[in-house]
């Protein structure tokens, strides 16, 4: 059973959520930069592990900001038109 849904079957995410996702993107970029700069001072592995959370947030939020739809893996979370 596949949970993948096409874009024409779901409605776009509202503008207020897209603005909120752009704020999350800015905070995630700052967090990613901080994790890479300050986390790698101790060891490279801890810096990369700390960078995983901002990367996942960016993976989810950037498509929402620019297209209005989440990544294809998360399309099932939206309601039908």
C-alpha atoms as a PDB file:
ATOM      1  CA  UNK A   1       0.000   0.000   0.000  1.00  0.00           C
ATOM      2  CA  UNK A   2       1.478   3.298  -1.084  1.00  0.00           C
ATOM      3  CA  UNK A   3       0.966   6.530   0.842  1.00  0.00           C
ATOM      4  CA  UNK A   4       2.337   8.717  -1.955  1.00  0.00           C
ATOM      5  CA  UNK A   5      -0.243  11.246  -3.166  1.00  0.00           C
ATOM      6  CA  UNK A   6      -0.074  13.539  -6.200  1.00  0.00           C
ATOM      7  CA  UNK A   7      -0.145  17.330  -5.911  1.00  0.00           C
ATOM      8  CA  UNK A   8      -3.414  17.577  -7.826  1.00  0.00           C
ATOM      9  CA  UNK A   9      -5.173  15.535  -5.127  1.00  0.00           C
ATOM     10  CA  UNK A  10      -4.348  17.816  -2.183  1.00  0.00           C
ATOM     11  CA  UNK A  11      -4.834  21.471  -1.396  1.00  0.00           C
ATOM     12  CA  UNK A  12      -1.953  23.921  -0.981  1.00  0.00           C
ATOM     13  CA  UNK A  13      -0.710  24.911   2.455  1.00  0.00           C
ATOM     14  CA  UNK A  14      -2.069  28.288   3.627  1.00  0.00           C
ATOM     15  CA  UNK A  15       0.043  31.435   3.539  1.00  0.00           C
ATOM     16  CA  UNK A  16       0.341  31.801   7.294  1.00  0.00           C
ATOM     17  CA  UNK A  17       1.935  28.359   7.557  1.00  0.00           C
ATOM     18  CA  UNK A  18       4.267  29.208   4.690  1.00  0.00           C
ATOM     19  CA  UNK A  19       5.407  32.347   6.547  1.00  0.00           C
ATOM     20  CA  UNK A  20       5.925  30.239   9.685  1.00  0.00           C
ATOM     21  CA  UNK A  21       7.970  27.749   7.639  1.00  0.00           C
ATOM     22  CA  UNK A  22      10.139  30.559   6.284  1.00  0.00           C
ATOM     23  CA  UNK A  23      10.875  31.582   9.886  1.00  0.00           C
ATOM     24  CA  UNK A  24      11.774  27.969  10.676  1.00  0.00           C
ATOM     25  CA  UNK A  25      14.050  27.917   7.605  1.00  0.00           C
ATOM     26  CA  UNK A  26      15.940  30.985   8.805  1.00  0.00           C
ATOM     27  CA  UNK A  27      16.320  29.537  12.303  1.00  0.00           C
ATOM     28  CA  UNK A  28      17.410  26.177  10.859  1.00  0.00           C
ATOM     29  CA  UNK A  29      20.070  27.831   8.705  1.00  0.00           C
ATOM     30  CA  UNK A  30      21.445  29.584  11.774  1.00  0.00           C
ATOM     31  CA  UNK A  31      21.320  26.302  13.711  1.00  0.00           C
ATOM     32  CA  UNK A  32      23.017  24.411  10.879  1.00  0.00           C
ATOM     33  CA  UNK A  33      25.793  26.977  10.697  1.00  0.00           C
ATOM     34  CA  UNK A  34      26.251  26.890  14.472  1.00  0.00           C
ATOM     35  CA  UNK A  35      26.264  23.089  14.563  1.00  0.00           C
ATOM     36  CA  UNK A  36      28.887  22.874  11.851  1.00  0.00           C
ATOM     37  CA  UNK A  37      31.115  25.630  13.204  1.00  0.00           C
ATOM     38  CA  UNK A  38      30.930  25.020  16.933  1.00  0.00           C
ATOM     39  CA  UNK A  39      30.090  21.320  16.889  1.00  0.00           C
ATOM     40  CA  UNK A  40      33.102  20.366  14.803  1.00  0.00           C
ATOM     41  CA  UNK A  41      35.508  22.022  17.242  1.00  0.00           C
ATOM     42  CA  UNK A  42      35.115  19.071  19.586  1.00  0.00           C
ATOM     43  CA  UNK A  43      34.901  16.296  16.992  1.00  0.00           C
ATOM     44  CA  UNK A  44      33.688  16.045  13.438  1.00  0.00           C
ATOM     45  CA  UNK A  45      31.161  13.320  14.205  1.00  0.00           C
ATOM     46  CA  UNK A  46      29.404  15.309  16.934  1.00  0.00           C
ATOM     47  CA  UNK A  47      29.135  18.342  14.659  1.00  0.00           C
ATOM     48  CA  UNK A  48      27.600  16.292  11.876  1.00  0.00           C
ATOM     49  CA  UNK A  49      25.209  14.606  14.299  1.00  0.00           C
ATOM     50  CA  UNK A  50      24.108  18.008  15.626  1.00  0.00           C
ATOM     51  CA  UNK A  51      23.551  19.193  12.040  1.00  0.00           C
ATOM     52  CA  UNK A  52      21.007  16.429  11.314  1.00  0.00           C
ATOM     53  CA  UNK A  53      18.060  18.149  13.009  1.00  0.00           C
ATOM     54  CA  UNK A  54      18.397  21.462  11.114  1.00  0.00           C
ATOM     55  CA  UNK A  55      18.884  19.527   7.869  1.00  0.00           C
ATOM     56  CA  UNK A  56      15.650  17.584   8.386  1.00  0.00           C
ATOM     57  CA  UNK A  57      13.793  20.803   9.217  1.00  0.00           C
ATOM     58  CA  UNK A  58      15.142  22.419   6.051  1.00  0.00           C
ATOM     59  CA  UNK A  59      14.174  19.342   4.005  1.00  0.00           C
ATOM     60  CA  UNK A  60      10.571  19.717   5.153  1.00  0.00           C
ATOM     61  CA  UNK A  61      10.210  23.516   5.250  1.00  0.00           C
ATOM     62  CA  UNK A  62      11.971  24.696   2.080  1.00  0.00           C
ATOM     63  CA  UNK A  63       9.535  22.983  -0.342  1.00  0.00           C
ATOM     64  CA  UNK A  64       6.600  24.332   1.666  1.00  0.00           C
ATOM     65  CA  UNK A  65       7.918  27.891   1.414  1.00  0.00           C
ATOM     66  CA  UNK A  66       8.637  27.808  -2.319  1.00  0.00           C
ATOM     67  CA  UNK A  67       5.923  25.516  -3.716  1.00  0.00           C
ATOM     68  CA  UNK A  68       3.219  25.387  -1.059  1.00  0.00           C
ATOM     69  CA  UNK A  69       3.417  21.600  -0.837  1.00  0.00           C
ATOM     70  CA  UNK A  70       5.459  19.384   1.503  1.00  0.00           C
ATOM     71  CA  UNK A  71       8.002  16.878   0.174  1.00  0.00           C
ATOM     72  CA  UNK A  72       6.500  13.925  -1.702  1.00  0.00           C
ATOM     73  CA  UNK A  73       7.044  11.591   1.259  1.00  0.00           C
ATOM     74  CA  UNK A  74       4.835  13.807   3.457  1.00  0.00           C
ATOM     75  CA  UNK A  75       2.022  14.470   0.949  1.00  0.00           C
ATOM     76  CA  UNK A  76      -0.260  12.017   2.756  1.00  0.00           C
ATOM     77  CA  UNK A  77      -0.430  14.414   5.722  1.00  0.00           C
ATOM     78  CA  UNK A  78      -2.523  16.941   3.761  1.00  0.00           C
ATOM     79  CA  UNK A  79      -6.263  16.706   3.424  1.00  0.00           C
ATOM     80  CA  UNK A  80      -8.032  16.077   0.155  1.00  0.00           C
ATOM     81  CA  UNK A  81      -9.313  18.946  -2.000  1.00  0.00           C
END
